[in-house]
Amino acid sequence: MNVTVLFTTYNSPKWLEKVLWGFSVQTHRDFDIIIADDGSTDETRQLIDRMRSETGIRIKHVWHEDHGFQKCEILNKAILQVESDYIIFTDGDCIPRADFVEEHLKCAKPGCFLTGSVARLPMSTSEHIGKEDITSGACFNWDWLVENGLLVTRKNMKLRARKYAGNILNHLTPARTNFTGCNASAWTK
């Protein structure tokens, strides 16, 4: 199946780089990325060019001039550039776990969209995450997260769960059935 990962960005190259490192180590490798850029400066374009070269990821950069917050407009322009059968939506500051694309494709069913949730980390934890933490998968490890500032709460329990327990928790506490731009997917048609 052809798949495109689509997300927006605006003058956040530090976070965009972390996201792209996450996509560089996906277990399912056959995908394109479209970055919908709401008017970032040239620093973002330069980062995207560098990351294309360093990671080999196929990245299309859809940009328009900065005329204030127009996220939905640039997102719509980017959607028109999609050539694949399936689109996975995320955000330009959400670092994907290595199985992010694989899980969306594994769960895809004709006529349905998927939606998931995200783990919101304390800013100090997010800022601590580096390239090696992402590419090794360390920053998705419960112990690493706690050591780097994640509070141990009931809400964060899913982060610790592995396959069997994770499936049970997903059935007990499913994501709401609304289309969330930070973790959703749908058929292009």
C-alpha atoms as a PDB file:
ATOM      1  CA  MET A   1       0.000   0.000   0.000  1.00  0.00           C
ATOM      2  CA  ASN A   2       1.264   3.492  -0.826  1.00  0.00           C
ATOM      3  CA  VAL A   3       1.313   5.710   2.242  1.00  0.00           C
ATOM      4  CA  THR A   4       2.077   9.361   2.984  1.00  0.00           C
ATOM      5  CA  VAL A   5       2.807  10.805   6.406  1.00  0.00           C
ATOM      6  CA  LEU A   6       1.544  14.388   6.609  1.00  0.00           C
ATOM      7  CA  PHE A   7       2.113  17.034   9.250  1.00  0.00           C
ATOM      8  CA  THR A   8       2.410  20.779   9.711  1.00  0.00           C
ATOM      9  CA  THR A   9       5.244  22.916  10.993  1.00  0.00           C
ATOM     10  CA  TYR A  10       5.967  26.565  11.680  1.00  0.00           C
ATOM     11  CA  ASN A  11       9.420  27.888  12.649  1.00  0.00           C
ATOM     12  CA  SER A  12      10.213  24.904  14.865  1.00  0.00           C
ATOM     13  CA  PRO A  13      13.295  23.297  13.285  1.00  0.00           C
ATOM     14  CA  LYS A  14      14.498  21.851  16.601  1.00  0.00           C
ATOM     15  CA  TRP A  15      11.275  19.845  17.010  1.00  0.00           C
ATOM     16  CA  LEU A  16      10.970  19.079  13.297  1.00  0.00           C
ATOM     17  CA  GLU A  17      14.424  17.502  13.310  1.00  0.00           C
ATOM     18  CA  LYS A  18      13.450  15.208  16.207  1.00  0.00           C
ATOM     19  CA  VAL A  19      10.294  14.155  14.361  1.00  0.00           C
ATOM     20  CA  LEU A  20      12.234  13.391  11.185  1.00  0.00           C
ATOM     21  CA  TRP A  21      14.796  11.314  13.118  1.00  0.00           C
ATOM     22  CA  GLY A  22      11.821   9.317  14.407  1.00  0.00           C
ATOM     23  CA  PHE A  23      10.620   8.679  10.870  1.00  0.00           C
ATOM     24  CA  SER A  24      14.135   7.697   9.788  1.00  0.00           C
ATOM     25  CA  VAL A  25      13.990   4.524  11.910  1.00  0.00           C
ATOM     26  CA  GLN A  26      10.479   3.274  11.127  1.00  0.00           C
ATOM     27  CA  THR A  27      10.011  -0.489  10.871  1.00  0.00           C
ATOM     28  CA  HIS A  28       7.821   0.055   7.778  1.00  0.00           C
ATOM     29  CA  ARG A  29      10.094   1.998   5.423  1.00  0.00           C
ATOM     30  CA  ASP A  30       7.994   2.520   2.280  1.00  0.00           C
ATOM     31  CA  PHE A  31       6.353   5.897   2.827  1.00  0.00           C
ATOM     32  CA  ASP A  32       6.646   9.522   1.792  1.00  0.00           C
ATOM     33  CA  ILE A  33       6.448  12.569   4.026  1.00  0.00           C
ATOM     34  CA  ILE A  34       4.719  15.812   3.159  1.00  0.00           C
ATOM     35  CA  ILE A  35       5.497  18.730   5.454  1.00  0.00           C
ATOM     36  CA  ALA A  36       2.847  21.457   5.363  1.00  0.00           C
ATOM     37  CA  ASP A  37       4.807  24.589   6.297  1.00  0.00           C
ATOM     38  CA  ASP A  38       2.759  27.578   7.459  1.00  0.00           C
ATOM     39  CA  GLY A  39       5.350  30.174   6.429  1.00  0.00           C
ATOM     40  CA  SER A  40       8.544  29.202   8.255  1.00  0.00           C
ATOM     41  CA  THR A  41      11.821  30.976   7.574  1.00  0.00           C
ATOM     42  CA  ASP A  42      14.549  29.532   5.367  1.00  0.00           C
ATOM     43  CA  GLU A  43      16.045  27.706   8.380  1.00  0.00           C
ATOM     44  CA  THR A  44      13.235  25.138   8.107  1.00  0.00           C
ATOM     45  CA  ARG A  45      13.829  24.568   4.381  1.00  0.00           C
ATOM     46  CA  GLN A  46      17.540  24.096   5.042  1.00  0.00           C
ATOM     47  CA  LEU A  47      16.802  21.554   7.781  1.00  0.00           C
ATOM     48  CA  ILE A  48      14.455  19.615   5.486  1.00  0.00           C
ATOM     49  CA  ASP A  49      17.099  19.557   2.724  1.00  0.00           C
ATOM     50  CA  ARG A  50      19.721  18.314   5.188  1.00  0.00           C
ATOM     51  CA  MET A  51      17.433  15.651   6.637  1.00  0.00           C
ATOM     52  CA  ARG A  52      16.531  14.394   3.150  1.00  0.00           C
ATOM     53  CA  SER A  53      20.232  13.899   2.520  1.00  0.00           C
ATOM     54  CA  GLU A  54      21.072  12.373   5.915  1.00  0.00           C
ATOM     55  CA  THR A  55      18.089  10.023   6.195  1.00  0.00           C
ATOM     56  CA  GLY A  56      17.125   9.189   2.610  1.00  0.00           C
ATOM     57  CA  ILE A  57      13.475   9.888   3.458  1.00  0.00           C
ATOM     58  CA  ARG A  58      11.346  11.106   0.545  1.00  0.00           C
ATOM     59  CA  ILE A  59      10.137  14.497   1.804  1.00  0.00           C
ATOM     60  CA  LYS A  60       7.956  16.993  -0.036  1.00  0.00           C
ATOM     61  CA  HIS A  61       7.935  20.498   1.449  1.00  0.00           C
ATOM     62  CA  VAL A  62       4.711  22.434   0.805  1.00  0.00           C
ATOM     63  CA  TRP A  63       5.191  26.053   1.912  1.00  0.00           C
ATOM     64  CA  HIS A  64       3.288  29.311   1.739  1.00  0.00           C
ATOM     65  CA  GLU A  65       4.169  32.805   2.919  1.00  0.00           C
ATOM     66  CA  ASP A  66       3.604  33.739   6.537  1.00  0.00           C
ATOM     67  CA  HIS A  67       0.347  35.695   6.725  1.00  0.00           C
ATOM     68  CA  GLY A  68      -0.475  34.771  10.303  1.00  0.00           C
ATOM     69  CA  PHE A  69      -1.824  31.450  11.543  1.00  0.00           C
ATOM     70  CA  GLN A  70      -3.169  29.549   8.510  1.00  0.00           C
ATOM     71  CA  LYS A  71      -2.522  25.956   9.516  1.00  0.00           C
ATOM     72  CA  CYS A  72      -5.700  24.588   7.947  1.00  0.00           C
ATOM     73  CA  GLU A  73      -5.022  26.355   4.653  1.00  0.00           C
ATOM     74  CA  ILE A  74      -1.499  24.925   4.294  1.00  0.00           C
ATOM     75  CA  LEU A  75      -2.730  21.515   5.442  1.00  0.00           C
ATOM     76  CA  ASN A  76      -5.359  21.534   2.682  1.00  0.00           C
ATOM     77  CA  LYS A  77      -2.716  22.555   0.112  1.00  0.00           C
ATOM     78  CA  ALA A  78      -0.515  19.689   1.290  1.00  0.00           C
ATOM     79  CA  ILE A  79      -3.361  17.157   1.132  1.00  0.00           C
ATOM     80  CA  LEU A  80      -3.813  18.082  -2.531  1.00  0.00           C
ATOM     81  CA  GLN A  81      -0.184  16.974  -3.097  1.00  0.00           C
ATOM     82  CA  VAL A  82      -0.779  13.449  -1.748  1.00  0.00           C
ATOM     83  CA  GLU A  83      -0.374  10.741  -4.388  1.00  0.00           C
ATOM     84  CA  SER A  84      -0.730   7.702  -2.143  1.00  0.00           C
ATOM     85  CA  ASP A  85      -3.659   5.483  -1.156  1.00  0.00           C
ATOM     86  CA  TYR A  86      -3.388   6.201   2.547  1.00  0.00           C
ATOM     87  CA  ILE A  87      -2.505   9.239   4.682  1.00  0.00           C
ATOM     88  CA  ILE A  88      -1.178   9.199   8.233  1.00  0.00           C
ATOM     89  CA  PHE A  89      -1.579  12.530  10.031  1.00  0.00           C
ATOM     90  CA  THR A  90       0.648  13.633  12.893  1.00  0.00           C
ATOM     91  CA  ASP A  91       2.116  16.890  14.215  1.00  0.00           C
ATOM     92  CA  GLY A  92       5.470  18.537  13.643  1.00  0.00           C
ATOM     93  CA  ASP A  93       6.380  18.117  17.315  1.00  0.00           C
ATOM     94  CA  CYS A  94       5.293  14.487  17.831  1.00  0.00           C
ATOM     95  CA  ILE A  95       8.233  12.087  17.696  1.00  0.00           C
ATOM     96  CA  PRO A  96       6.979   8.771  16.307  1.00  0.00           C
ATOM     97  CA  ARG A  97       7.889   5.454  17.882  1.00  0.00           C
ATOM     98  CA  ALA A  98       9.618   3.104  15.403  1.00  0.00           C
ATOM     99  CA  ASP A  99       6.395   1.154  14.758  1.00  0.00           C
ATOM    100  CA  PHE A 100       4.159   4.215  14.226  1.00  0.00           C
ATOM    101  CA  VAL A 101       3.666   3.744  10.460  1.00  0.00           C
ATOM    102  CA  GLU A 102       3.532  -0.057  10.762  1.00  0.00           C
ATOM    103  CA  GLU A 103       0.781   0.078  13.416  1.00  0.00           C
ATOM    104  CA  HIS A 104      -1.370   2.440  11.351  1.00  0.00           C
ATOM    105  CA  LEU A 105      -1.060   0.192   8.307  1.00  0.00           C
ATOM    106  CA  LYS A 106      -1.670  -2.976  10.318  1.00  0.00           C
ATOM    107  CA  CYS A 107      -4.931  -1.535  11.685  1.00  0.00           C
ATOM    108  CA  ALA A 108      -6.137   0.096   8.428  1.00  0.00           C
ATOM    109  CA  LYS A 109      -9.510  -1.150   7.187  1.00  0.00           C
ATOM    110  CA  PRO A 110     -11.302   0.019   4.024  1.00  0.00           C
ATOM    111  CA  GLY A 111     -13.966   2.640   4.698  1.00  0.00           C
ATOM    112  CA  CYS A 112     -12.613   3.505   8.162  1.00  0.00           C
ATOM    113  CA  PHE A 113     -10.300   6.082   9.643  1.00  0.00           C
ATOM    114  CA  LEU A 114      -8.057   5.477  12.629  1.00  0.00           C
ATOM    115  CA  THR A 115      -7.372   7.782  15.514  1.00  0.00           C
ATOM    116  CA  GLY A 116      -5.001   7.459  18.411  1.00  0.00           C
ATOM    117  CA  SER A 117      -3.565   9.537  21.168  1.00  0.00           C
ATOM    118  CA  VAL A 118      -0.186  10.981  22.104  1.00  0.00           C
ATOM    119  CA  ALA A 119       1.931  11.052  25.210  1.00  0.00           C
ATOM    120  CA  ARG A 120       2.340  14.630  26.371  1.00  0.00           C
ATOM    121  CA  LEU A 121       5.708  14.921  28.047  1.00  0.00           C
ATOM    122  CA  PRO A 122       6.964  17.619  30.384  1.00  0.00           C
ATOM    123  CA  MET A 123       8.912  20.230  28.403  1.00  0.00           C
ATOM    124  CA  SER A 124      12.112  19.375  30.270  1.00  0.00           C
ATOM    125  CA  THR A 125      11.780  15.739  29.145  1.00  0.00           C
ATOM    126  CA  SER A 126      11.052  16.725  25.536  1.00  0.00           C
ATOM    127  CA  GLU A 127      14.029  19.074  25.434  1.00  0.00           C
ATOM    128  CA  HIS A 128      16.308  16.328  26.776  1.00  0.00           C
ATOM    129  CA  ILE A 129      15.494  13.969  23.871  1.00  0.00           C
ATOM    130  CA  GLY A 130      18.335  13.805  21.352  1.00  0.00           C
ATOM    131  CA  LYS A 131      19.012  12.025  18.072  1.00  0.00           C
ATOM    132  CA  GLU A 132      20.543   8.933  19.738  1.00  0.00           C
ATOM    133  CA  ASP A 133      17.611   8.688  22.180  1.00  0.00           C
ATOM    134  CA  ILE A 134      15.243   8.629  19.196  1.00  0.00           C
ATOM    135  CA  THR A 135      17.154   6.341  16.839  1.00  0.00           C
ATOM    136  CA  SER A 136      17.919   3.821  19.594  1.00  0.00           C
ATOM    137  CA  GLY A 137      14.319   3.951  20.867  1.00  0.00           C
ATOM    138  CA  ALA A 138      15.524   4.832  24.370  1.00  0.00           C
ATOM    139  CA  CYS A 139      13.186   7.814  24.707  1.00  0.00           C
ATOM    140  CA  PHE A 140      10.181   5.487  24.310  1.00  0.00           C
ATOM    141  CA  ASN A 141      11.311   3.352  27.226  1.00  0.00           C
ATOM    142  CA  TRP A 142       9.384   3.789  30.491  1.00  0.00           C
ATOM    143  CA  ASP A 143      12.495   3.863  32.675  1.00  0.00           C
ATOM    144  CA  TRP A 144      14.198   6.424  30.426  1.00  0.00           C
ATOM    145  CA  LEU A 145      11.117   8.653  30.501  1.00  0.00           C
ATOM    146  CA  VAL A 146      10.808   8.497  34.308  1.00  0.00           C
ATOM    147  CA  GLU A 147      14.551   9.127  34.757  1.00  0.00           C
ATOM    148  CA  ASN A 148      14.157  12.204  32.551  1.00  0.00           C
ATOM    149  CA  GLY A 149      11.189  13.805  34.282  1.00  0.00           C
ATOM    150  CA  LEU A 150       7.992  11.949  33.359  1.00  0.00           C
ATOM    151  CA  LEU A 151       5.661  11.805  36.351  1.00  0.00           C
ATOM    152  CA  VAL A 152       4.398   8.355  37.283  1.00  0.00           C
ATOM    153  CA  THR A 153       0.615   8.682  37.075  1.00  0.00           C
ATOM    154  CA  ARG A 154      -2.336   6.478  36.165  1.00  0.00           C
ATOM    155  CA  LYS A 155      -2.722   8.500  32.969  1.00  0.00           C
ATOM    156  CA  ASN A 156       0.756   7.449  31.815  1.00  0.00           C
ATOM    157  CA  MET A 157       0.144   3.729  32.447  1.00  0.00           C
ATOM    158  CA  LYS A 158      -0.308   2.936  28.731  1.00  0.00           C
ATOM    159  CA  LEU A 159       3.256   4.077  28.074  1.00  0.00           C
ATOM    160  CA  ARG A 160       4.525   1.187  30.159  1.00  0.00           C
ATOM    161  CA  ALA A 161       2.284  -1.473  28.644  1.00  0.00           C
ATOM    162  CA  ARG A 162       3.619  -3.893  26.044  1.00  0.00           C
ATOM    163  CA  LYS A 163       1.690  -5.748  23.341  1.00  0.00           C
ATOM    164  CA  TYR A 164      -0.796  -7.891  25.300  1.00  0.00           C
ATOM    165  CA  ALA A 165      -1.347  -5.401  28.115  1.00  0.00           C
ATOM    166  CA  GLY A 166      -1.394  -2.549  25.605  1.00  0.00           C
ATOM    167  CA  ASN A 167      -4.175  -4.238  23.618  1.00  0.00           C
ATOM    168  CA  ILE A 168      -6.230  -4.722  26.784  1.00  0.00           C
ATOM    169  CA  LEU A 169      -5.736  -1.094  27.809  1.00  0.00           C
ATOM    170  CA  ASN A 170      -6.671   0.076  24.298  1.00  0.00           C
ATOM    171  CA  HIS A 171      -9.986  -1.791  24.628  1.00  0.00           C
ATOM    172  CA  LEU A 172     -10.611  -0.488  28.154  1.00  0.00           C
ATOM    173  CA  THR A 173      -9.649   3.112  27.400  1.00  0.00           C
ATOM    174  CA  PRO A 174      -9.974   3.670  23.659  1.00  0.00           C
ATOM    175  CA  ALA A 175      -9.216   7.005  22.037  1.00  0.00           C
ATOM    176  CA  ARG A 176     -12.285   9.096  21.300  1.00  0.00           C
ATOM    177  CA  THR A 177     -13.658   8.552  17.812  1.00  0.00           C
ATOM    178  CA  ASN A 178     -12.918  12.030  16.573  1.00  0.00           C
ATOM    179  CA  PHE A 179     -10.276  12.764  13.975  1.00  0.00           C
ATOM    180  CA  THR A 180      -7.215  13.994  15.859  1.00  0.00           C
ATOM    181  CA  GLY A 181      -4.549  15.592  13.689  1.00  0.00           C
ATOM    182  CA  CYS A 182      -1.717  14.452  15.933  1.00  0.00           C
ATOM    183  CA  ASN A 183      -2.305  10.709  15.388  1.00  0.00           C
ATOM    184  CA  ALA A 184      -4.829   9.657  12.777  1.00  0.00           C
ATOM    185  CA  SER A 185      -4.979   8.000   9.383  1.00  0.00           C
ATOM    186  CA  ALA A 186      -7.458   7.639   6.532  1.00  0.00           C
ATOM    187  CA  TRP A 187      -7.820   6.382   2.993  1.00  0.00           C
ATOM    188  CA  THR A 188      -7.229   9.062   0.404  1.00  0.00           C
ATOM    189  CA  LYS A 189     -10.417   8.237  -1.462  1.00  0.00           C
END
